[in-house]
Amino acid sequence: MTSLTKAQKRKLQGLIDRCGKAHDDAYRAQKALNNFSMEIWGVAPSDVDADYIIDAVLGGCGMSSHLPVEEFITEMERAT
């Protein structure tokens, strides 16, 4: 078993906790975005394979690049 110092264990636990919280926050935000999209367009971006939104907003290709609301609307209208 790998032996870590107390400082390394604290650092590792902090990283684990940060990742878990970030995942939970992202899950809640994505669920809210999907619910909103379903109210407006009847589908979520992933339901219609809106790749530009998935990549830019949901980090489908790594880090999210963000997306102006006008582009989000255009992409959802194009996909539906």
PDB file of N, CA and C in Angstrom:
ATOM      1  N   MET A   1       0.852  -1.186   0.000  1.00  0.00           N
ATOM      2  CA  MET A   1       0.000   0.000   0.000  1.00  0.00           C
ATOM      3  C   MET A   1       0.888   1.235   0.000  1.00  0.00           C
ATOM      4  N   THR A   2       0.510   2.227  -0.768  1.00  0.00           N
ATOM      5  CA  THR A   2       1.261   3.471  -0.845  1.00  0.00           C
ATOM      6  C   THR A   2       1.183   4.199   0.482  1.00  0.00           C
ATOM      7  N   SER A   3       2.314   4.673   0.920  1.00  0.00           N
ATOM      8  CA  SER A   3       2.371   5.392   2.189  1.00  0.00           C
ATOM      9  C   SER A   3       2.471   6.889   1.922  1.00  0.00           C
ATOM     10  N   LEU A   4       1.516   7.644   2.423  1.00  0.00           N
ATOM     11  CA  LEU A   4       1.512   9.092   2.254  1.00  0.00           C
ATOM     12  C   LEU A   4       1.756   9.772   3.593  1.00  0.00           C
ATOM     13  N   THR A   5       2.341  10.942   3.526  1.00  0.00           N
ATOM     14  CA  THR A   5       2.497  11.733   4.740  1.00  0.00           C
ATOM     15  C   THR A   5       1.140  12.314   5.116  1.00  0.00           C
ATOM     16  N   LYS A   6       1.040  12.828   6.331  1.00  0.00           N
ATOM     17  CA  LYS A   6      -0.216  13.460   6.753  1.00  0.00           C
ATOM     18  C   LYS A   6      -0.569  14.616   5.838  1.00  0.00           C
ATOM     19  N   ALA A   7       0.408  15.407   5.441  1.00  0.00           N
ATOM     20  CA  ALA A   7       0.163  16.556   4.550  1.00  0.00           C
ATOM     21  C   ALA A   7      -0.334  16.080   3.186  1.00  0.00           C
ATOM     22  N   GLN A   8       0.256  15.010   2.670  1.00  0.00           N
ATOM     23  CA  GLN A   8      -0.192  14.469   1.389  1.00  0.00           C
ATOM     24  C   GLN A   8      -1.609  13.920   1.489  1.00  0.00           C
ATOM     25  N   LYS A   9      -1.937  13.267   2.592  1.00  0.00           N
ATOM     26  CA  LYS A   9      -3.290  12.760   2.789  1.00  0.00           C
ATOM     27  C   LYS A   9      -4.295  13.899   2.853  1.00  0.00           C
ATOM     28  N   ARG A  10      -3.945  14.979   3.562  1.00  0.00           N
ATOM     29  CA  ARG A  10      -4.839  16.147   3.635  1.00  0.00           C
ATOM     30  C   ARG A  10      -5.052  16.737   2.248  1.00  0.00           C
ATOM     31  N   LYS A  11      -3.945  16.864   1.492  1.00  0.00           N
ATOM     32  CA  LYS A  11      -4.050  17.414   0.142  1.00  0.00           C
ATOM     33  C   LYS A  11      -4.920  16.525  -0.731  1.00  0.00           C
ATOM     34  N   LEU A  12      -4.668  15.219  -0.682  1.00  0.00           N
ATOM     35  CA  LEU A  12      -5.450  14.276  -1.481  1.00  0.00           C
ATOM     36  C   LEU A  12      -6.922  14.325  -1.098  1.00  0.00           C
ATOM     37  N   GLN A  13      -7.234  14.358   0.197  1.00  0.00           N
ATOM     38  CA  GLN A  13      -8.630  14.421   0.623  1.00  0.00           C
ATOM     39  C   GLN A  13      -9.285  15.702   0.145  1.00  0.00           C
ATOM     40  N   GLY A  14      -8.542  16.809   0.183  1.00  0.00           N
ATOM     41  CA  GLY A  14      -9.072  18.074  -0.317  1.00  0.00           C
ATOM     42  C   GLY A  14      -9.390  18.009  -1.800  1.00  0.00           C
ATOM     43  N   LEU A  15      -8.514  17.382  -2.568  1.00  0.00           N
ATOM     44  CA  LEU A  15      -8.751  17.232  -4.009  1.00  0.00           C
ATOM     45  C   LEU A  15      -9.946  16.334  -4.279  1.00  0.00           C
ATOM     46  N   ILE A  16     -10.051  15.243  -3.548  1.00  0.00           N
ATOM     47  CA  ILE A  16     -11.203  14.341  -3.688  1.00  0.00           C
ATOM     48  C   ILE A  16     -12.497  15.092  -3.367  1.00  0.00           C
ATOM     49  N   ASP A  17     -12.492  15.839  -2.270  1.00  0.00           N
ATOM     50  CA  ASP A  17     -13.684  16.594  -1.865  1.00  0.00           C
ATOM     51  C   ASP A  17     -14.055  17.644  -2.906  1.00  0.00           C
ATOM     52  N   ARG A  18     -13.047  18.362  -3.438  1.00  0.00           N
ATOM     53  CA  ARG A  18     -13.310  19.386  -4.458  1.00  0.00           C
ATOM     54  C   ARG A  18     -13.927  18.772  -5.703  1.00  0.00           C
ATOM     55  N   CYS A  19     -13.363  17.638  -6.133  1.00  0.00           N
ATOM     56  CA  CYS A  19     -13.896  16.966  -7.325  1.00  0.00           C
ATOM     57  C   CYS A  19     -15.332  16.511  -7.105  1.00  0.00           C
ATOM     58  N   GLY A  20     -15.603  15.952  -5.945  1.00  0.00           N
ATOM     59  CA  GLY A  20     -16.961  15.503  -5.638  1.00  0.00           C
ATOM     60  C   GLY A  20     -17.952  16.653  -5.625  1.00  0.00           C
ATOM     61  N   LYS A  21     -17.575  17.773  -5.000  1.00  0.00           N
ATOM     62  CA  LYS A  21     -18.458  18.938  -4.955  1.00  0.00           C
ATOM     63  C   LYS A  21     -18.668  19.516  -6.348  1.00  0.00           C
ATOM     64  N   ALA A  22     -17.591  19.613  -7.129  1.00  0.00           N
ATOM     65  CA  ALA A  22     -17.701  20.148  -8.491  1.00  0.00           C
ATOM     66  C   ALA A  22     -18.628  19.273  -9.331  1.00  0.00           C
ATOM     67  N   HIS A  23     -18.506  17.966  -9.190  1.00  0.00           N
ATOM     68  CA  HIS A  23     -19.382  17.058  -9.923  1.00  0.00           C
ATOM     69  C   HIS A  23     -20.836  17.258  -9.511  1.00  0.00           C
ATOM     70  N   ASP A  24     -21.077  17.332  -8.207  1.00  0.00           N
ATOM     71  CA  ASP A  24     -22.448  17.532  -7.719  1.00  0.00           C
ATOM     72  C   ASP A  24     -23.024  18.842  -8.237  1.00  0.00           C
ATOM     73  N   ASP A  25     -22.229  19.920  -8.184  1.00  0.00           N
ATOM     74  CA  ASP A  25     -22.683  21.223  -8.684  1.00  0.00           C
ATOM     75  C   ASP A  25     -22.988  21.160 -10.178  1.00  0.00           C
ATOM     76  N   ALA A  26     -22.109  20.511 -10.942  1.00  0.00           N
ATOM     77  CA  ALA A  26     -22.319  20.393 -12.385  1.00  0.00           C
ATOM     78  C   ALA A  26     -23.566  19.558 -12.689  1.00  0.00           C
ATOM     79  N   TYR A  27     -23.767  18.495 -11.932  1.00  0.00           N
ATOM     80  CA  TYR A  27     -24.952  17.647 -12.132  1.00  0.00           C
ATOM     81  C   TYR A  27     -26.232  18.457 -11.913  1.00  0.00           C
ATOM     82  N   ARG A  28     -26.259  19.219 -10.827  1.00  0.00           N
ATOM     83  CA  ARG A  28     -27.461  20.028 -10.534  1.00  0.00           C
ATOM     84  C   ARG A  28     -27.687  21.090 -11.611  1.00  0.00           C
ATOM     85  N   ALA A  29     -26.614  21.750 -12.053  1.00  0.00           N
ATOM     86  CA  ALA A  29     -26.738  22.785 -13.081  1.00  0.00           C
ATOM     87  C   ALA A  29     -27.197  22.187 -14.406  1.00  0.00           C
ATOM     88  N   GLN A  30     -26.638  21.052 -14.773  1.00  0.00           N
ATOM     89  CA  GLN A  30     -27.027  20.402 -16.020  1.00  0.00           C
ATOM     90  C   GLN A  30     -28.482  19.956 -15.960  1.00  0.00           C
ATOM     91  N   LYS A  31     -28.899  19.428 -14.827  1.00  0.00           N
ATOM     92  CA  LYS A  31     -30.299  19.013 -14.673  1.00  0.00           C
ATOM     93  C   LYS A  31     -31.235  20.211 -14.817  1.00  0.00           C
ATOM     94  N   ALA A  32     -30.878  21.329 -14.209  1.00  0.00           N
ATOM     95  CA  ALA A  32     -31.704  22.541 -14.316  1.00  0.00           C
ATOM     96  C   ALA A  32     -31.741  23.051 -15.758  1.00  0.00           C
ATOM     97  N   LEU A  33     -30.586  23.039 -16.441  1.00  0.00           N
ATOM     98  CA  LEU A  33     -30.531  23.471 -17.844  1.00  0.00           C
ATOM     99  C   LEU A  33     -31.378  22.557 -18.719  1.00  0.00           C
ATOM    100  N   ASN A  34     -31.281  21.252 -18.497  1.00  0.00           N
ATOM    101  CA  ASN A  34     -32.088  20.309 -19.270  1.00  0.00           C
ATOM    102  C   ASN A  34     -33.574  20.515 -19.015  1.00  0.00           C
ATOM    103  N   ASN A  35     -33.957  20.706 -17.760  1.00  0.00           N
ATOM    104  CA  ASN A  35     -35.365  20.935 -17.438  1.00  0.00           C
ATOM    105  C   ASN A  35     -35.883  22.204 -18.090  1.00  0.00           C
ATOM    106  N   PHE A  36     -35.076  23.275 -18.045  1.00  0.00           N
ATOM    107  CA  PHE A  36     -35.469  24.537 -18.679  1.00  0.00           C
ATOM    108  C   PHE A  36     -35.625  24.338 -20.185  1.00  0.00           C
ATOM    109  N   SER A  37     -34.652  23.668 -20.802  1.00  0.00           N
ATOM    110  CA  SER A  37     -34.711  23.423 -22.243  1.00  0.00           C
ATOM    111  C   SER A  37     -35.943  22.610 -22.606  1.00  0.00           C
ATOM    112  N   MET A  38     -36.292  21.643 -21.768  1.00  0.00           N
ATOM    113  CA  MET A  38     -37.474  20.826 -22.043  1.00  0.00           C
ATOM    114  C   MET A  38     -38.754  21.647 -21.945  1.00  0.00           C
ATOM    115  N   GLU A  39     -38.779  22.621 -21.016  1.00  0.00           N
ATOM    116  CA  GLU A  39     -39.947  23.496 -20.907  1.00  0.00           C
ATOM    117  C   GLU A  39     -40.108  24.351 -22.165  1.00  0.00           C
ATOM    118  N   ILE A  40     -39.015  24.832 -22.720  1.00  0.00           N
ATOM    119  CA  ILE A  40     -39.064  25.744 -23.870  1.00  0.00           C
ATOM    120  C   ILE A  40     -39.160  24.994 -25.192  1.00  0.00           C
ATOM    121  N   TRP A  41     -38.268  23.999 -25.418  1.00  0.00           N
ATOM    122  CA  TRP A  41     -38.181  23.316 -26.710  1.00  0.00           C
ATOM    123  C   TRP A  41     -38.720  21.893 -26.697  1.00  0.00           C
ATOM    124  N   GLY A  42     -39.070  21.390 -25.539  1.00  0.00           N
ATOM    125  CA  GLY A  42     -39.592  20.033 -25.444  1.00  0.00           C
ATOM    126  C   GLY A  42     -38.523  18.953 -25.401  1.00  0.00           C
ATOM    127  N   VAL A  43     -37.259  19.353 -25.474  1.00  0.00           N
ATOM    128  CA  VAL A  43     -36.135  18.408 -25.438  1.00  0.00           C
ATOM    129  C   VAL A  43     -34.954  19.060 -24.727  1.00  0.00           C
ATOM    130  N   ALA A  44     -34.057  18.212 -24.253  1.00  0.00           N
ATOM    131  CA  ALA A  44     -32.785  18.677 -23.689  1.00  0.00           C
ATOM    132  C   ALA A  44     -31.738  18.644 -24.802  1.00  0.00           C
ATOM    133  N   PRO A  45     -30.662  19.414 -24.670  1.00  0.00           N
ATOM    134  CA  PRO A  45     -29.632  19.408 -25.717  1.00  0.00           C
ATOM    135  C   PRO A  45     -29.129  18.001 -26.060  1.00  0.00           C
ATOM    136  N   SER A  46     -28.962  17.161 -25.085  1.00  0.00           N
ATOM    137  CA  SER A  46     -28.465  15.809 -25.365  1.00  0.00           C
ATOM    138  C   SER A  46     -29.513  14.932 -26.044  1.00  0.00           C
ATOM    139  N   ASP A  47     -30.787  15.275 -25.908  1.00  0.00           N
ATOM    140  CA  ASP A  47     -31.846  14.507 -26.578  1.00  0.00           C
ATOM    141  C   ASP A  47     -31.778  14.650 -28.091  1.00  0.00           C
ATOM    142  N   VAL A  48     -31.298  15.806 -28.549  1.00  0.00           N
ATOM    143  CA  VAL A  48     -31.260  16.093 -29.989  1.00  0.00           C
ATOM    144  C   VAL A  48     -29.831  16.144 -30.506  1.00  0.00           C
ATOM    145  N   ASP A  49     -28.891  15.683 -29.702  1.00  0.00           N
ATOM    146  CA  ASP A  49     -27.484  15.635 -30.075  1.00  0.00           C
ATOM    147  C   ASP A  49     -26.981  17.011 -30.544  1.00  0.00           C
ATOM    148  N   ALA A  50     -27.286  18.032 -29.751  1.00  0.00           N
ATOM    149  CA  ALA A  50     -26.828  19.398 -30.052  1.00  0.00           C
ATOM    150  C   ALA A  50     -25.351  19.501 -29.653  1.00  0.00           C
ATOM    151  N   ASP A  51     -24.482  19.001 -30.533  1.00  0.00           N
ATOM    152  CA  ASP A  51     -23.059  18.873 -30.216  1.00  0.00           C
ATOM    153  C   ASP A  51     -22.398  20.178 -29.803  1.00  0.00           C
ATOM    154  N   TYR A  52     -22.742  21.270 -30.461  1.00  0.00           N
ATOM    155  CA  TYR A  52     -22.121  22.561 -30.128  1.00  0.00           C
ATOM    156  C   TYR A  52     -22.413  22.941 -28.681  1.00  0.00           C
ATOM    157  N   ILE A  53     -23.648  22.742 -28.252  1.00  0.00           N
ATOM    158  CA  ILE A  53     -24.023  23.040 -26.866  1.00  0.00           C
ATOM    159  C   ILE A  53     -23.346  22.052 -25.925  1.00  0.00           C
ATOM    160  N   ILE A  54     -23.381  20.790 -26.273  1.00  0.00           N
ATOM    161  CA  ILE A  54     -22.768  19.768 -25.418  1.00  0.00           C
ATOM    162  C   ILE A  54     -21.285  20.062 -25.218  1.00  0.00           C
ATOM    163  N   ASP A  55     -20.593  20.447 -26.279  1.00  0.00           N
ATOM    164  CA  ASP A  55     -19.168  20.753 -26.180  1.00  0.00           C
ATOM    165  C   ASP A  55     -18.909  22.064 -25.442  1.00  0.00           C
ATOM    166  N   ALA A  56     -19.646  23.106 -25.790  1.00  0.00           N
ATOM    167  CA  ALA A  56     -19.373  24.439 -25.247  1.00  0.00           C
ATOM    168  C   ALA A  56     -19.868  24.631 -23.822  1.00  0.00           C
ATOM    169  N   VAL A  57     -20.992  24.033 -23.490  1.00  0.00           N
ATOM    170  CA  VAL A  57     -21.600  24.267 -22.179  1.00  0.00           C
ATOM    171  C   VAL A  57     -21.350  23.121 -21.211  1.00  0.00           C
ATOM    172  N   LEU A  58     -21.463  21.914 -21.693  1.00  0.00           N
ATOM    173  CA  LEU A  58     -21.393  20.752 -20.812  1.00  0.00           C
ATOM    174  C   LEU A  58     -20.006  20.111 -20.788  1.00  0.00           C
ATOM    175  N   GLY A  59     -19.067  20.696 -21.507  1.00  0.00           N
ATOM    176  CA  GLY A  59     -17.697  20.193 -21.478  1.00  0.00           C
ATOM    177  C   GLY A  59     -17.516  18.867 -22.178  1.00  0.00           C
ATOM    178  N   GLY A  60     -18.262  18.632 -23.235  1.00  0.00           N
ATOM    179  CA  GLY A  60     -18.163  17.373 -23.959  1.00  0.00           C
ATOM    180  C   GLY A  60     -16.790  17.096 -24.542  1.00  0.00           C
ATOM    181  N   CYS A  61     -16.005  18.140 -24.716  1.00  0.00           N
ATOM    182  CA  CYS A  61     -14.644  17.977 -25.259  1.00  0.00           C
ATOM    183  C   CYS A  61     -13.621  18.519 -24.274  1.00  0.00           C
ATOM    184  N   GLY A  62     -13.864  18.354 -23.013  1.00  0.00           N
ATOM    185  CA  GLY A  62     -12.928  18.871 -22.003  1.00  0.00           C
ATOM    186  C   GLY A  62     -13.505  20.085 -21.320  1.00  0.00           C
ATOM    187  N   MET A  63     -12.712  21.125 -21.218  1.00  0.00           N
ATOM    188  CA  MET A  63     -13.147  22.357 -20.553  1.00  0.00           C
ATOM    189  C   MET A  63     -14.253  23.035 -21.364  1.00  0.00           C
ATOM    190  N   SER A  64     -15.206  23.620 -20.679  1.00  0.00           N
ATOM    191  CA  SER A  64     -16.283  24.346 -21.344  1.00  0.00           C
ATOM    192  C   SER A  64     -15.780  25.708 -21.808  1.00  0.00           C
ATOM    193  N   SER A  65     -16.233  26.103 -22.987  1.00  0.00           N
ATOM    194  CA  SER A  65     -15.814  27.394 -23.528  1.00  0.00           C
ATOM    195  C   SER A  65     -16.852  28.482 -23.289  1.00  0.00           C
ATOM    196  N   HIS A  66     -17.967  28.125 -22.683  1.00  0.00           N
ATOM    197  CA  HIS A  66     -19.089  29.023 -22.418  1.00  0.00           C
ATOM    198  C   HIS A  66     -19.804  29.355 -23.719  1.00  0.00           C
ATOM    199  N   LEU A  67     -20.979  29.883 -23.615  1.00  0.00           N
ATOM    200  CA  LEU A  67     -21.805  30.095 -24.791  1.00  0.00           C
ATOM    201  C   LEU A  67     -22.798  31.221 -24.523  1.00  0.00           C
ATOM    202  N   PRO A  68     -22.828  32.239 -25.383  1.00  0.00           N
ATOM    203  CA  PRO A  68     -23.835  33.298 -25.215  1.00  0.00           C
ATOM    204  C   PRO A  68     -25.243  32.740 -25.415  1.00  0.00           C
ATOM    205  N   VAL A  69     -26.198  33.310 -24.725  1.00  0.00           N
ATOM    206  CA  VAL A  69     -27.577  32.821 -24.765  1.00  0.00           C
ATOM    207  C   VAL A  69     -28.125  32.815 -26.193  1.00  0.00           C
ATOM    208  N   GLU A  70     -27.758  33.806 -27.001  1.00  0.00           N
ATOM    209  CA  GLU A  70     -28.261  33.859 -28.377  1.00  0.00           C
ATOM    210  C   GLU A  70     -27.811  32.647 -29.181  1.00  0.00           C
ATOM    211  N   GLU A  71     -26.563  32.226 -28.972  1.00  0.00           N
ATOM    212  CA  GLU A  71     -26.061  31.046 -29.675  1.00  0.00           C
ATOM    213  C   GLU A  71     -26.727  29.770 -29.162  1.00  0.00           C
ATOM    214  N   PHE A  72     -27.000  29.716 -27.872  1.00  0.00           N
ATOM    215  CA  PHE A  72     -27.695  28.559 -27.309  1.00  0.00           C
ATOM    216  C   PHE A  72     -29.074  28.434 -27.955  1.00  0.00           C
ATOM    217  N   ILE A  73     -29.797  29.546 -28.023  1.00  0.00           N
ATOM    218  CA  ILE A  73     -31.138  29.538 -28.627  1.00  0.00           C
ATOM    219  C   ILE A  73     -31.065  29.104 -30.089  1.00  0.00           C
ATOM    220  N   THR A  74     -30.115  29.665 -30.836  1.00  0.00           N
ATOM    221  CA  THR A  74     -29.956  29.314 -32.253  1.00  0.00           C
ATOM    222  C   THR A  74     -29.690  27.824 -32.417  1.00  0.00           C
ATOM    223  N   GLU A  75     -28.817  27.293 -31.607  1.00  0.00           N
ATOM    224  CA  GLU A  75     -28.476  25.866 -31.702  1.00  0.00           C
ATOM    225  C   GLU A  75     -29.668  24.977 -31.333  1.00  0.00           C
ATOM    226  N   MET A  76     -30.416  25.355 -30.315  1.00  0.00           N
ATOM    227  CA  MET A  76     -31.592  24.554 -29.936  1.00  0.00           C
ATOM    228  C   MET A  76     -32.660  24.620 -31.026  1.00  0.00           C
ATOM    229  N   GLU A  77     -32.855  25.790 -31.626  1.00  0.00           N
ATOM    230  CA  GLU A  77     -33.842  25.904 -32.685  1.00  0.00           C
ATOM    231  C   GLU A  77     -33.409  25.105 -33.913  1.00  0.00           C
ATOM    232  N   ARG A  78     -32.111  25.104 -34.200  1.00  0.00           N
ATOM    233  CA  ARG A  78     -31.589  24.341 -35.325  1.00  0.00           C
ATOM    234  C   ARG A  78     -31.761  22.840 -35.079  1.00  0.00           C
ATOM    235  N   ALA A  79     -31.576  22.413 -33.838  1.00  0.00           N
ATOM    236  CA  ALA A  79     -31.616  20.985 -33.511  1.00  0.00           C
ATOM    237  C   ALA A  79     -33.036  20.437 -33.402  1.00  0.00           C
ATOM    238  N   THR A  80     -34.002  21.320 -33.167  1.00  0.00           N
ATOM    239  CA  THR A  80     -35.362  20.816 -32.965  1.00  0.00           C
ATOM    240  C   THR A  80     -36.198  21.070 -34.163  1.00  0.00           C
TER     241      THR A  80
END
